[in-house]
Amino acid sequence: MAATSRLHTVLDDGLLSLPDGPVTVMRPAADYDLSPLADRDIRIAQGFAPDAEAFAQAGYTVTQDAAAAPTMIVVVPRAKALARSMIAQACALGQVVVVDGQRTDGIDSLFKDCRDRLGDLPSLPKAKGRLFWFPAIDALADWAAPPPAQGEHGYFNTAGVFSDGAIDKGSALLAAALPAKLPARMADLGAGWGYLSNAVLARDGVKSLDLIEAEALSLDCARLNVTDDRASFHWADALSWTPGKKYDGIVMNPPFHTGSKGTPSLGQGFIAASARMLAPHGKLWMVANRHLPYEAALRDHFRNVDEMPGDGAYKLFHATRPLKA
């Protein structure tokens, strides 16, 4: 954000006065404007590995779980259930709760929900978003998300993970299309809560599987869903992950959203990363939404690219012989 961020405005204009002491900022993106808090002890609570790494490299104290502080700033994520749970947690840990987010991430809906519970609240609508604040109160305690729970599909999920209510149809399509025998050393890039990983481990020939997942909430669920001793779990950005030894095979259903924005370049980055991680004989199995333009990226990074039978919504690819940059 620029120097005229919502937080900067309310503090500079005297609309909001923060209590003395540290400030915990919950789930800020790497570009979130922290300059208005430069004179404070800032703690970052972040479960998304790329953003957590960026703040750690900038010298901030970063943890996955939020630390108690007089001021708790909730930066609204896309998932409403997670946003509500973060607000409830902030109320339990702080004295003043500040909620900041974009309209595309549902900030106005959250503002309305909070006003329905708490009455009129001060706020600043600005830059296609809103910031509002209130004294910490236990009236929102019922918004706290429960621990991961097993759904009707038999898998553990929680608020804020991808496809938390049902098995993703693209992942199910790829799982069914995997061959009966897979290479020995495998990885699942962007493993989520582990559905594809279980399908990999059910095939013959697999001796090890690395689950690479950037979202800590998803990886926590994966640890409950994937109980095979051959599985290893890594909280990491798949785009920058470097294995100790190159893989024989990779499966992936790459994400294509950054926040609320569709970002095909993210999936293209996964393709490049998979080629880098694979041994010369390595193989890739991938599913993608049919409208996404991944064919050129696959041809740029693999000598052989075959499209397997998919359906009207998803396409499946099998790529071999990665090309080294």
C-alpha atoms as a PDB file:
ATOM      1  CA  MET A   1       0.000   0.000   0.000  1.00  0.00           C
ATOM      2  CA  ALA A   2       1.019   3.587  -0.505  1.00  0.00           C
ATOM      3  CA  ALA A   3       1.695   6.060   2.305  1.00  0.00           C
ATOM      4  CA  THR A   4      -1.980   7.036   2.213  1.00  0.00           C
ATOM      5  CA  SER A   5      -3.224   3.633   3.384  1.00  0.00           C
ATOM      6  CA  ARG A   6      -6.377   3.449   5.493  1.00  0.00           C
ATOM      7  CA  LEU A   7      -4.358   2.746   8.640  1.00  0.00           C
ATOM      8  CA  HIS A   8      -2.063   5.664   7.894  1.00  0.00           C
ATOM      9  CA  THR A   9      -5.052   7.986   7.429  1.00  0.00           C
ATOM     10  CA  VAL A  10      -6.942   7.134  10.629  1.00  0.00           C
ATOM     11  CA  LEU A  11      -3.813   7.438  12.766  1.00  0.00           C
ATOM     12  CA  ASP A  12      -2.487  10.615  11.130  1.00  0.00           C
ATOM     13  CA  ASP A  13      -5.894  12.307  11.255  1.00  0.00           C
ATOM     14  CA  GLY A  14      -6.401  11.389  14.904  1.00  0.00           C
ATOM     15  CA  LEU A  15      -9.492   9.313  14.195  1.00  0.00           C
ATOM     16  CA  LEU A  16      -7.987   6.368  16.065  1.00  0.00           C
ATOM     17  CA  SER A  17      -5.630   6.364  19.045  1.00  0.00           C
ATOM     18  CA  LEU A  18      -3.927   3.070  19.832  1.00  0.00           C
ATOM     19  CA  PRO A  19      -3.116   1.977  23.395  1.00  0.00           C
ATOM     20  CA  ASP A  20       0.533   1.823  24.430  1.00  0.00           C
ATOM     21  CA  GLY A  21       2.410  -1.386  23.845  1.00  0.00           C
ATOM     22  CA  PRO A  22       2.977  -3.906  21.072  1.00  0.00           C
ATOM     23  CA  VAL A  23       0.773  -4.394  18.031  1.00  0.00           C
ATOM     24  CA  THR A  24      -0.064  -7.771  16.500  1.00  0.00           C
ATOM     25  CA  VAL A  25      -0.979  -7.694  12.813  1.00  0.00           C
ATOM     26  CA  MET A  26      -2.868 -10.799  11.719  1.00  0.00           C
ATOM     27  CA  ARG A  27      -2.399 -12.168   8.183  1.00  0.00           C
ATOM     28  CA  PRO A  28      -1.040  -9.072   6.427  1.00  0.00           C
ATOM     29  CA  ALA A  29       0.125  -9.529   2.848  1.00  0.00           C
ATOM     30  CA  ALA A  30       3.805  -8.866   2.249  1.00  0.00           C
ATOM     31  CA  ASP A  31       3.006  -5.401   0.826  1.00  0.00           C
ATOM     32  CA  TYR A  32       0.786  -4.291   3.717  1.00  0.00           C
ATOM     33  CA  ASP A  33       1.716  -0.792   4.902  1.00  0.00           C
ATOM     34  CA  LEU A  34       3.213  -1.052   8.397  1.00  0.00           C
ATOM     35  CA  SER A  35       4.866   2.386   8.296  1.00  0.00           C
ATOM     36  CA  PRO A  36       2.217   4.020  10.559  1.00  0.00           C
ATOM     37  CA  LEU A  37       3.336   1.577  13.289  1.00  0.00           C
ATOM     38  CA  ALA A  38       7.053   2.248  12.914  1.00  0.00           C
ATOM     39  CA  ASP A  39       7.381   3.352  16.549  1.00  0.00           C
ATOM     40  CA  ARG A  40       5.734   0.172  17.866  1.00  0.00           C
ATOM     41  CA  ASP A  41       6.852  -3.364  18.606  1.00  0.00           C
ATOM     42  CA  ILE A  42       5.153  -5.130  15.689  1.00  0.00           C
ATOM     43  CA  ARG A  43       4.401  -8.844  15.781  1.00  0.00           C
ATOM     44  CA  ILE A  44       3.220 -10.552  12.602  1.00  0.00           C
ATOM     45  CA  ALA A  45       0.850 -13.535  12.716  1.00  0.00           C
ATOM     46  CA  GLN A  46       0.913 -15.181   9.289  1.00  0.00           C
ATOM     47  CA  GLY A  47       0.078 -18.713   8.160  1.00  0.00           C
ATOM     48  CA  PHE A  48       0.864 -18.192   4.470  1.00  0.00           C
ATOM     49  CA  ALA A  49       4.501 -19.121   3.919  1.00  0.00           C
ATOM     50  CA  PRO A  50       5.518 -16.597   1.201  1.00  0.00           C
ATOM     51  CA  ASP A  51       4.221 -13.636   3.229  1.00  0.00           C
ATOM     52  CA  ALA A  52       5.642 -15.012   6.472  1.00  0.00           C
ATOM     53  CA  GLU A  53       9.057 -15.383   4.862  1.00  0.00           C
ATOM     54  CA  ALA A  54       8.933 -11.840   3.453  1.00  0.00           C
ATOM     55  CA  PHE A  55       8.225 -10.326   6.871  1.00  0.00           C
ATOM     56  CA  ALA A  56      10.863 -12.478   8.572  1.00  0.00           C
ATOM     57  CA  GLN A  57      13.462 -11.368   6.023  1.00  0.00           C
ATOM     58  CA  ALA A  58      12.448  -7.755   6.735  1.00  0.00           C
ATOM     59  CA  GLY A  59      13.320  -8.304  10.391  1.00  0.00           C
ATOM     60  CA  TYR A  60       9.869  -8.678  11.950  1.00  0.00           C
ATOM     61  CA  THR A  61       8.924 -11.235  14.580  1.00  0.00           C
ATOM     62  CA  VAL A  62       6.702 -13.714  12.739  1.00  0.00           C
ATOM     63  CA  THR A  63       4.649 -16.571  14.165  1.00  0.00           C
ATOM     64  CA  GLN A  64       1.837 -18.697  12.796  1.00  0.00           C
ATOM     65  CA  ASP A  65      -0.297 -18.098  15.897  1.00  0.00           C
ATOM     66  CA  ALA A  66      -1.266 -14.588  16.986  1.00  0.00           C
ATOM     67  CA  ALA A  67       0.384 -13.228  20.117  1.00  0.00           C
ATOM     68  CA  ALA A  68      -1.603 -11.194  22.649  1.00  0.00           C
ATOM     69  CA  ALA A  69      -1.110  -7.430  22.324  1.00  0.00           C
ATOM     70  CA  PRO A  70      -3.049  -4.305  23.342  1.00  0.00           C
ATOM     71  CA  THR A  71      -3.748  -3.590  19.651  1.00  0.00           C
ATOM     72  CA  MET A  72      -4.824  -6.414  17.343  1.00  0.00           C
ATOM     73  CA  ILE A  73      -5.076  -5.601  13.634  1.00  0.00           C
ATOM     74  CA  VAL A  74      -7.018  -8.101  11.525  1.00  0.00           C
ATOM     75  CA  VAL A  75      -6.200  -7.953   7.815  1.00  0.00           C
ATOM     76  CA  VAL A  76      -9.207  -9.600   6.228  1.00  0.00           C
ATOM     77  CA  PRO A  77      -8.599 -12.778   4.204  1.00  0.00           C
ATOM     78  CA  ARG A  78     -10.827 -13.935   1.392  1.00  0.00           C
ATOM     79  CA  ALA A  79     -12.531 -16.685   3.437  1.00  0.00           C
ATOM     80  CA  LYS A  80     -15.313 -15.169   5.536  1.00  0.00           C
ATOM     81  CA  ALA A  81     -15.359 -17.933   8.147  1.00  0.00           C
ATOM     82  CA  LEU A  82     -11.633 -17.441   8.709  1.00  0.00           C
ATOM     83  CA  ALA A  83     -12.046 -13.658   8.902  1.00  0.00           C
ATOM     84  CA  ARG A  84     -14.739 -14.015  11.559  1.00  0.00           C
ATOM     85  CA  SER A  85     -12.583 -16.430  13.521  1.00  0.00           C
ATOM     86  CA  MET A  86      -9.645 -14.011  13.373  1.00  0.00           C
ATOM     87  CA  ILE A  87     -11.843 -11.206  14.745  1.00  0.00           C
ATOM     88  CA  ALA A  88     -12.992 -13.446  17.612  1.00  0.00           C
ATOM     89  CA  GLN A  89      -9.366 -14.342  18.351  1.00  0.00           C
ATOM     90  CA  ALA A  90      -8.325 -10.695  18.257  1.00  0.00           C
ATOM     91  CA  CYS A  91     -11.048  -9.870  20.789  1.00  0.00           C
ATOM     92  CA  ALA A  92      -9.719 -12.587  23.088  1.00  0.00           C
ATOM     93  CA  LEU A  93      -6.116 -11.379  22.865  1.00  0.00           C
ATOM     94  CA  GLY A  94      -6.282  -7.565  22.743  1.00  0.00           C
ATOM     95  CA  GLN A  95      -7.839  -4.379  24.003  1.00  0.00           C
ATOM     96  CA  VAL A  96      -8.574  -2.657  20.687  1.00  0.00           C
ATOM     97  CA  VAL A  97      -9.451  -4.531  17.493  1.00  0.00           C
ATOM     98  CA  VAL A  98      -8.818  -2.938  14.088  1.00  0.00           C
ATOM     99  CA  VAL A  99     -10.218  -4.649  10.993  1.00  0.00           C
ATOM    100  CA  ASP A 100      -8.844  -3.688   7.566  1.00  0.00           C
ATOM    101  CA  GLY A 101      -9.651  -5.142   4.169  1.00  0.00           C
ATOM    102  CA  GLN A 102     -10.764  -4.815   0.580  1.00  0.00           C
ATOM    103  CA  ARG A 103     -14.330  -4.929  -0.701  1.00  0.00           C
ATOM    104  CA  THR A 104     -13.378  -7.854  -2.943  1.00  0.00           C
ATOM    105  CA  ASP A 105     -12.441  -9.795   0.201  1.00  0.00           C
ATOM    106  CA  GLY A 106     -15.762  -9.094   1.927  1.00  0.00           C
ATOM    107  CA  ILE A 107     -14.874  -6.253   4.300  1.00  0.00           C
ATOM    108  CA  ASP A 108     -18.248  -4.523   3.914  1.00  0.00           C
ATOM    109  CA  SER A 109     -20.128  -7.702   4.802  1.00  0.00           C
ATOM    110  CA  LEU A 110     -17.967  -8.140   7.902  1.00  0.00           C
ATOM    111  CA  PHE A 111     -18.540  -4.506   8.855  1.00  0.00           C
ATOM    112  CA  LYS A 112     -22.303  -5.028   8.609  1.00  0.00           C
ATOM    113  CA  ASP A 113     -22.108  -8.221  10.676  1.00  0.00           C
ATOM    114  CA  CYS A 114     -20.093  -6.467  13.367  1.00  0.00           C
ATOM    115  CA  ARG A 115     -22.507  -3.519  13.473  1.00  0.00           C
ATOM    116  CA  ASP A 116     -25.434  -5.923  13.794  1.00  0.00           C
ATOM    117  CA  ARG A 117     -23.777  -7.323  16.929  1.00  0.00           C
ATOM    118  CA  LEU A 118     -22.061  -4.258  18.374  1.00  0.00           C
ATOM    119  CA  GLY A 119     -24.038  -1.238  17.132  1.00  0.00           C
ATOM    120  CA  ASP A 120     -22.594   1.735  15.266  1.00  0.00           C
ATOM    121  CA  LEU A 121     -18.844   1.546  14.691  1.00  0.00           C
ATOM    122  CA  PRO A 122     -16.367   4.140  13.426  1.00  0.00           C
ATOM    123  CA  SER A 123     -14.925   3.318  10.036  1.00  0.00           C
ATOM    124  CA  LEU A 124     -13.010   4.700   7.088  1.00  0.00           C
ATOM    125  CA  PRO A 125     -14.045   3.596   3.589  1.00  0.00           C
ATOM    126  CA  LYS A 126     -11.158   4.255   1.233  1.00  0.00           C
ATOM    127  CA  ALA A 127      -9.267   2.816  -1.728  1.00  0.00           C
ATOM    128  CA  LYS A 128     -11.873   0.155  -2.547  1.00  0.00           C
ATOM    129  CA  GLY A 129     -11.853  -1.079   1.025  1.00  0.00           C
ATOM    130  CA  ARG A 130     -12.677  -0.200   4.600  1.00  0.00           C
ATOM    131  CA  LEU A 131     -11.042  -0.013   8.014  1.00  0.00           C
ATOM    132  CA  PHE A 132     -13.098  -0.105  11.210  1.00  0.00           C
ATOM    133  CA  TRP A 133     -12.322  -0.534  14.886  1.00  0.00           C
ATOM    134  CA  PHE A 134     -13.877  -1.221  18.279  1.00  0.00           C
ATOM    135  CA  PRO A 135     -12.902  -2.147  21.863  1.00  0.00           C
ATOM    136  CA  ALA A 136     -12.311  -5.878  22.296  1.00  0.00           C
ATOM    137  CA  ILE A 137     -15.505  -7.559  23.445  1.00  0.00           C
ATOM    138  CA  ASP A 138     -16.644 -11.121  24.057  1.00  0.00           C
ATOM    139  CA  ALA A 139     -19.885 -10.659  22.083  1.00  0.00           C
ATOM    140  CA  LEU A 140     -18.179 -12.172  19.028  1.00  0.00           C
ATOM    141  CA  ALA A 141     -16.702 -15.198  20.787  1.00  0.00           C
ATOM    142  CA  ASP A 142     -19.052 -17.554  18.915  1.00  0.00           C
ATOM    143  CA  TRP A 143     -17.298 -16.606  15.659  1.00  0.00           C
ATOM    144  CA  ALA A 144     -14.223 -18.590  16.684  1.00  0.00           C
ATOM    145  CA  ALA A 145     -13.639 -21.468  14.278  1.00  0.00           C
ATOM    146  CA  PRO A 146     -13.621 -24.952  15.809  1.00  0.00           C
ATOM    147  CA  PRO A 147     -10.568 -27.208  15.437  1.00  0.00           C
ATOM    148  CA  PRO A 148     -10.292 -29.183  12.187  1.00  0.00           C
ATOM    149  CA  ALA A 149     -13.254 -31.539  11.896  1.00  0.00           C
ATOM    150  CA  GLN A 150     -13.944 -34.548   9.703  1.00  0.00           C
ATOM    151  CA  GLY A 151     -16.547 -33.811   7.031  1.00  0.00           C
ATOM    152  CA  GLU A 152     -18.980 -36.132   5.293  1.00  0.00           C
ATOM    153  CA  HIS A 153     -16.276 -36.902   2.719  1.00  0.00           C
ATOM    154  CA  GLY A 154     -14.110 -38.385   5.487  1.00  0.00           C
ATOM    155  CA  TYR A 155     -11.396 -35.712   5.481  1.00  0.00           C
ATOM    156  CA  PHE A 156     -10.450 -33.135   8.099  1.00  0.00           C
ATOM    157  CA  ASN A 157     -10.995 -29.510   7.051  1.00  0.00           C
ATOM    158  CA  THR A 158     -11.152 -26.135   8.780  1.00  0.00           C
ATOM    159  CA  ALA A 159     -12.096 -22.550   7.996  1.00  0.00           C
ATOM    160  CA  GLY A 160      -9.819 -20.894   5.459  1.00  0.00           C
ATOM    161  CA  VAL A 161      -8.583 -23.926   3.523  1.00  0.00           C
ATOM    162  CA  PHE A 162      -9.224 -24.493  -0.179  1.00  0.00           C
ATOM    163  CA  SER A 163     -12.282 -26.671  -0.902  1.00  0.00           C
ATOM    164  CA  ASP A 164     -13.216 -26.988   2.764  1.00  0.00           C
ATOM    165  CA  GLY A 165     -16.760 -28.224   2.101  1.00  0.00           C
ATOM    166  CA  ALA A 166     -16.207 -30.903  -0.537  1.00  0.00           C
ATOM    167  CA  ILE A 167     -13.552 -32.755  -2.479  1.00  0.00           C
ATOM    168  CA  ASP A 168     -12.335 -30.528  -5.314  1.00  0.00           C
ATOM    169  CA  LYS A 169     -13.654 -31.915  -8.593  1.00  0.00           C
ATOM    170  CA  GLY A 170     -10.402 -31.253 -10.437  1.00  0.00           C
ATOM    171  CA  SER A 171      -8.358 -33.085  -7.831  1.00  0.00           C
ATOM    172  CA  ALA A 172     -10.800 -36.017  -7.925  1.00  0.00           C
ATOM    173  CA  LEU A 173     -10.480 -36.171 -11.722  1.00  0.00           C
ATOM    174  CA  LEU A 174      -6.680 -36.240 -11.566  1.00  0.00           C
ATOM    175  CA  ALA A 175      -6.650 -38.800  -8.741  1.00  0.00           C
ATOM    176  CA  ALA A 176      -8.776 -41.167 -10.824  1.00  0.00           C
ATOM    177  CA  ALA A 177      -6.510 -40.698 -13.871  1.00  0.00           C
ATOM    178  CA  LEU A 178      -3.209 -41.480 -12.152  1.00  0.00           C
ATOM    179  CA  PRO A 179      -1.595 -44.711 -13.342  1.00  0.00           C
ATOM    180  CA  ALA A 180      -1.645 -47.847 -11.180  1.00  0.00           C
ATOM    181  CA  LYS A 181       2.098 -47.507 -10.593  1.00  0.00           C
ATOM    182  CA  LEU A 182       3.931 -44.253  -9.879  1.00  0.00           C
ATOM    183  CA  PRO A 183       7.638 -43.359  -9.522  1.00  0.00           C
ATOM    184  CA  ALA A 184       9.384 -43.951  -6.214  1.00  0.00           C
ATOM    185  CA  ARG A 185      10.158 -40.422  -5.055  1.00  0.00           C
ATOM    186  CA  MET A 186       7.070 -38.213  -5.375  1.00  0.00           C
ATOM    187  CA  ALA A 187       5.905 -34.709  -4.427  1.00  0.00           C
ATOM    188  CA  ASP A 188       2.525 -32.983  -4.276  1.00  0.00           C
ATOM    189  CA  LEU A 189       2.958 -29.259  -4.969  1.00  0.00           C
ATOM    190  CA  GLY A 190       0.296 -27.124  -3.312  1.00  0.00           C
ATOM    191  CA  ALA A 191      -0.887 -30.224  -1.479  1.00  0.00           C
ATOM    192  CA  GLY A 192      -3.763 -28.532   0.352  1.00  0.00           C
ATOM    193  CA  TRP A 193      -5.365 -30.850   2.884  1.00  0.00           C
ATOM    194  CA  GLY A 194      -3.966 -33.946   1.252  1.00  0.00           C
ATOM    195  CA  TYR A 195      -6.585 -35.456  -1.049  1.00  0.00           C
ATOM    196  CA  LEU A 196      -4.237 -35.960  -4.014  1.00  0.00           C
ATOM    197  CA  SER A 197      -1.478 -37.126  -1.691  1.00  0.00           C
ATOM    198  CA  ASN A 198      -3.611 -40.001  -0.452  1.00  0.00           C
ATOM    199  CA  ALA A 199      -4.318 -40.990  -4.047  1.00  0.00           C
ATOM    200  CA  VAL A 200      -0.576 -41.021  -4.775  1.00  0.00           C
ATOM    201  CA  LEU A 201       0.188 -43.162  -1.730  1.00  0.00           C
ATOM    202  CA  ALA A 202      -2.479 -45.662  -2.792  1.00  0.00           C
ATOM    203  CA  ARG A 203      -0.517 -46.422  -5.995  1.00  0.00           C
ATOM    204  CA  ASP A 204       2.179 -49.055  -6.318  1.00  0.00           C
ATOM    205  CA  GLY A 205       5.838 -48.082  -6.444  1.00  0.00           C
ATOM    206  CA  VAL A 206       5.769 -44.986  -4.221  1.00  0.00           C
ATOM    207  CA  LYS A 207       8.489 -44.975  -1.575  1.00  0.00           C
ATOM    208  CA  SER A 208       8.242 -41.353  -0.380  1.00  0.00           C
ATOM    209  CA  LEU A 209       5.981 -38.345  -0.846  1.00  0.00           C
ATOM    210  CA  ASP A 210       6.679 -34.714   0.049  1.00  0.00           C
ATOM    211  CA  LEU A 211       3.616 -32.551   0.635  1.00  0.00           C
ATOM    212  CA  ILE A 212       4.556 -28.943  -0.161  1.00  0.00           C
ATOM    213  CA  GLU A 213       1.916 -26.470   1.041  1.00  0.00           C
ATOM    214  CA  ALA A 214       2.148 -22.731   1.724  1.00  0.00           C
ATOM    215  CA  GLU A 215      -0.972 -22.422   3.909  1.00  0.00           C
ATOM    216  CA  ALA A 216      -0.348 -23.649   7.453  1.00  0.00           C
ATOM    217  CA  LEU A 217      -4.064 -24.272   8.086  1.00  0.00           C
ATOM    218  CA  SER A 218      -4.206 -26.635   5.111  1.00  0.00           C
ATOM    219  CA  LEU A 219      -1.012 -28.419   6.103  1.00  0.00           C
ATOM    220  CA  ASP A 220      -2.339 -28.975   9.633  1.00  0.00           C
ATOM    221  CA  CYS A 221      -5.361 -30.705   8.086  1.00  0.00           C
ATOM    222  CA  ALA A 222      -3.114 -32.705   5.757  1.00  0.00           C
ATOM    223  CA  ARG A 223      -1.262 -34.103   8.761  1.00  0.00           C
ATOM    224  CA  LEU A 224      -4.582 -35.459  10.012  1.00  0.00           C
ATOM    225  CA  ASN A 225      -5.670 -36.777   6.613  1.00  0.00           C
ATOM    226  CA  VAL A 226      -2.400 -38.337   5.433  1.00  0.00           C
ATOM    227  CA  THR A 227      -1.116 -40.750   8.060  1.00  0.00           C
ATOM    228  CA  ASP A 228       1.180 -42.868   5.890  1.00  0.00           C
ATOM    229  CA  ASP A 229       4.766 -43.033   7.192  1.00  0.00           C
ATOM    230  CA  ARG A 230       6.071 -42.395   3.661  1.00  0.00           C
ATOM    231  CA  ALA A 231       4.682 -38.837   3.753  1.00  0.00           C
ATOM    232  CA  SER A 232       6.668 -35.763   4.808  1.00  0.00           C
ATOM    233  CA  PHE A 233       5.108 -32.338   5.335  1.00  0.00           C
ATOM    234  CA  HIS A 234       6.703 -29.019   4.376  1.00  0.00           C
ATOM    235  CA  TRP A 235       5.286 -25.551   5.114  1.00  0.00           C
ATOM    236  CA  ALA A 236       6.801 -23.764   2.140  1.00  0.00           C
ATOM    237  CA  ASP A 237       6.173 -21.820  -1.042  1.00  0.00           C
ATOM    238  CA  ALA A 238       6.130 -24.331  -3.897  1.00  0.00           C
ATOM    239  CA  LEU A 239       7.554 -21.681  -6.222  1.00  0.00           C
ATOM    240  CA  SER A 240      10.813 -21.503  -4.264  1.00  0.00           C
ATOM    241  CA  TRP A 241      10.974 -24.948  -2.615  1.00  0.00           C
ATOM    242  CA  THR A 242      14.234 -26.809  -3.257  1.00  0.00           C
ATOM    243  CA  PRO A 243      14.218 -30.525  -2.445  1.00  0.00           C
ATOM    244  CA  GLY A 244      17.282 -32.249  -1.071  1.00  0.00           C
ATOM    245  CA  LYS A 245      17.107 -34.658  -3.996  1.00  0.00           C
ATOM    246  CA  LYS A 246      15.196 -34.181  -7.227  1.00  0.00           C
ATOM    247  CA  TYR A 247      11.868 -35.946  -7.573  1.00  0.00           C
ATOM    248  CA  ASP A 248      10.951 -38.798  -9.895  1.00  0.00           C
ATOM    249  CA  GLY A 249       7.362 -37.601 -10.133  1.00  0.00           C
ATOM    250  CA  ILE A 250       5.134 -34.664  -9.185  1.00  0.00           C
ATOM    251  CA  VAL A 251       1.367 -34.259  -8.980  1.00  0.00           C
ATOM    252  CA  MET A 252      -0.329 -30.903  -8.639  1.00  0.00           C
ATOM    253  CA  ASN A 253      -3.555 -28.959  -8.833  1.00  0.00           C
ATOM    254  CA  PRO A 254      -1.959 -25.502  -8.781  1.00  0.00           C
ATOM    255  CA  PRO A 255      -3.792 -22.490  -7.373  1.00  0.00           C
ATOM    256  CA  PHE A 256      -4.633 -19.654  -9.716  1.00  0.00           C
ATOM    257  CA  HIS A 257      -5.825 -17.004  -7.262  1.00  0.00           C
ATOM    258  CA  THR A 258      -3.828 -14.477  -5.290  1.00  0.00           C
ATOM    259  CA  GLY A 259      -6.366 -13.134  -2.810  1.00  0.00           C
ATOM    260  CA  SER A 260      -9.500 -12.494  -4.842  1.00  0.00           C
ATOM    261  CA  LYS A 261      -7.702 -12.054  -8.179  1.00  0.00           C
ATOM    262  CA  GLY A 262      -7.315 -14.743 -10.801  1.00  0.00           C
ATOM    263  CA  THR A 263      -3.615 -15.062 -11.560  1.00  0.00           C
ATOM    264  CA  PRO A 264      -2.757 -17.609 -14.293  1.00  0.00           C
ATOM    265  CA  SER A 265       0.921 -16.718 -13.838  1.00  0.00           C
ATOM    266  CA  LEU A 266       0.789 -18.492 -10.474  1.00  0.00           C
ATOM    267  CA  GLY A 267       0.021 -21.827 -12.129  1.00  0.00           C
ATOM    268  CA  GLN A 268       2.631 -21.104 -14.778  1.00  0.00           C
ATOM    269  CA  GLY A 269       5.115 -20.590 -11.951  1.00  0.00           C
ATOM    270  CA  PHE A 270       4.160 -23.987 -10.529  1.00  0.00           C
ATOM    271  CA  ILE A 271       4.914 -25.563 -13.905  1.00  0.00           C
ATOM    272  CA  ALA A 272       8.363 -23.955 -14.005  1.00  0.00           C
ATOM    273  CA  ALA A 273       9.024 -24.997 -10.400  1.00  0.00           C
ATOM    274  CA  SER A 274       8.010 -28.592 -11.091  1.00  0.00           C
ATOM    275  CA  ALA A 275      10.445 -28.814 -14.009  1.00  0.00           C
ATOM    276  CA  ARG A 276      13.217 -27.471 -11.799  1.00  0.00           C
ATOM    277  CA  MET A 277      12.492 -30.029  -9.060  1.00  0.00           C
ATOM    278  CA  LEU A 278      12.254 -33.079 -11.309  1.00  0.00           C
ATOM    279  CA  ALA A 279      15.104 -35.382 -12.259  1.00  0.00           C
ATOM    280  CA  PRO A 280      15.822 -35.724 -16.012  1.00  0.00           C
ATOM    281  CA  HIS A 281      13.597 -38.824 -16.126  1.00  0.00           C
ATOM    282  CA  GLY A 282      10.916 -37.105 -14.008  1.00  0.00           C
ATOM    283  CA  LYS A 283       7.201 -37.012 -14.762  1.00  0.00           C
ATOM    284  CA  LEU A 284       4.453 -34.486 -14.019  1.00  0.00           C
ATOM    285  CA  TRP A 285       0.708 -35.092 -13.650  1.00  0.00           C
ATOM    286  CA  MET A 286      -1.378 -31.925 -13.468  1.00  0.00           C
ATOM    287  CA  VAL A 287      -5.002 -30.777 -13.500  1.00  0.00           C
ATOM    288  CA  ALA A 288      -6.169 -27.282 -14.460  1.00  0.00           C
ATOM    289  CA  ASN A 289      -9.394 -25.425 -15.101  1.00  0.00           C
ATOM    290  CA  ARG A 290     -10.093 -25.691 -18.802  1.00  0.00           C
ATOM    291  CA  HIS A 291      -9.944 -21.930 -19.434  1.00  0.00           C
ATOM    292  CA  LEU A 292      -6.416 -21.491 -18.052  1.00  0.00           C
ATOM    293  CA  PRO A 293      -3.602 -21.018 -20.613  1.00  0.00           C
ATOM    294  CA  TYR A 294      -1.005 -23.523 -19.402  1.00  0.00           C
ATOM    295  CA  GLU A 295      -0.135 -25.367 -22.609  1.00  0.00           C
ATOM    296  CA  ALA A 296       2.609 -22.940 -23.663  1.00  0.00           C
ATOM    297  CA  ALA A 297       4.225 -22.997 -20.224  1.00  0.00           C
ATOM    298  CA  LEU A 298       4.220 -26.800 -20.242  1.00  0.00           C
ATOM    299  CA  ARG A 299       5.872 -26.888 -23.684  1.00  0.00           C
ATOM    300  CA  ASP A 300       8.445 -24.339 -22.513  1.00  0.00           C
ATOM    301  CA  HIS A 301       9.501 -26.556 -19.612  1.00  0.00           C
ATOM    302  CA  PHE A 302       8.939 -30.149 -20.786  1.00  0.00           C
ATOM    303  CA  ARG A 303      10.027 -31.962 -23.920  1.00  0.00           C
ATOM    304  CA  ASN A 304       6.925 -34.164 -24.004  1.00  0.00           C
ATOM    305  CA  VAL A 305       3.445 -32.875 -23.098  1.00  0.00           C
ATOM    306  CA  ASP A 306       0.319 -35.001 -23.493  1.00  0.00           C
ATOM    307  CA  GLU A 307      -3.244 -34.015 -22.644  1.00  0.00           C
ATOM    308  CA  MET A 308      -5.149 -36.851 -20.997  1.00  0.00           C
ATOM    309  CA  PRO A 309      -8.953 -37.207 -21.139  1.00  0.00           C
ATOM    310  CA  GLY A 310     -10.567 -34.615 -18.889  1.00  0.00           C
ATOM    311  CA  ASP A 311     -14.070 -33.189 -18.831  1.00  0.00           C
ATOM    312  CA  GLY A 312     -15.892 -29.982 -19.729  1.00  0.00           C
ATOM    313  CA  ALA A 313     -14.476 -28.094 -16.743  1.00  0.00           C
ATOM    314  CA  TYR A 314     -10.977 -29.504 -16.313  1.00  0.00           C
ATOM    315  CA  LYS A 315      -8.048 -30.640 -18.436  1.00  0.00           C
ATOM    316  CA  LEU A 316      -5.378 -33.133 -17.404  1.00  0.00           C
ATOM    317  CA  PHE A 317      -1.751 -33.141 -18.485  1.00  0.00           C
ATOM    318  CA  HIS A 318       1.096 -35.643 -18.342  1.00  0.00           C
ATOM    319  CA  ALA A 319       4.494 -34.093 -19.026  1.00  0.00           C
ATOM    320  CA  THR A 320       7.895 -35.786 -19.144  1.00  0.00           C
ATOM    321  CA  ARG A 321      11.571 -34.980 -19.709  1.00  0.00           C
ATOM    322  CA  PRO A 322      11.846 -31.570 -18.030  1.00  0.00           C
ATOM    323  CA  LEU A 323      13.880 -28.941 -19.833  1.00  0.00           C
ATOM    324  CA  LYS A 324      16.415 -27.149 -17.695  1.00  0.00           C
ATOM    325  CA  ALA A 325      16.603 -23.367 -17.857  1.00  0.00           C
END
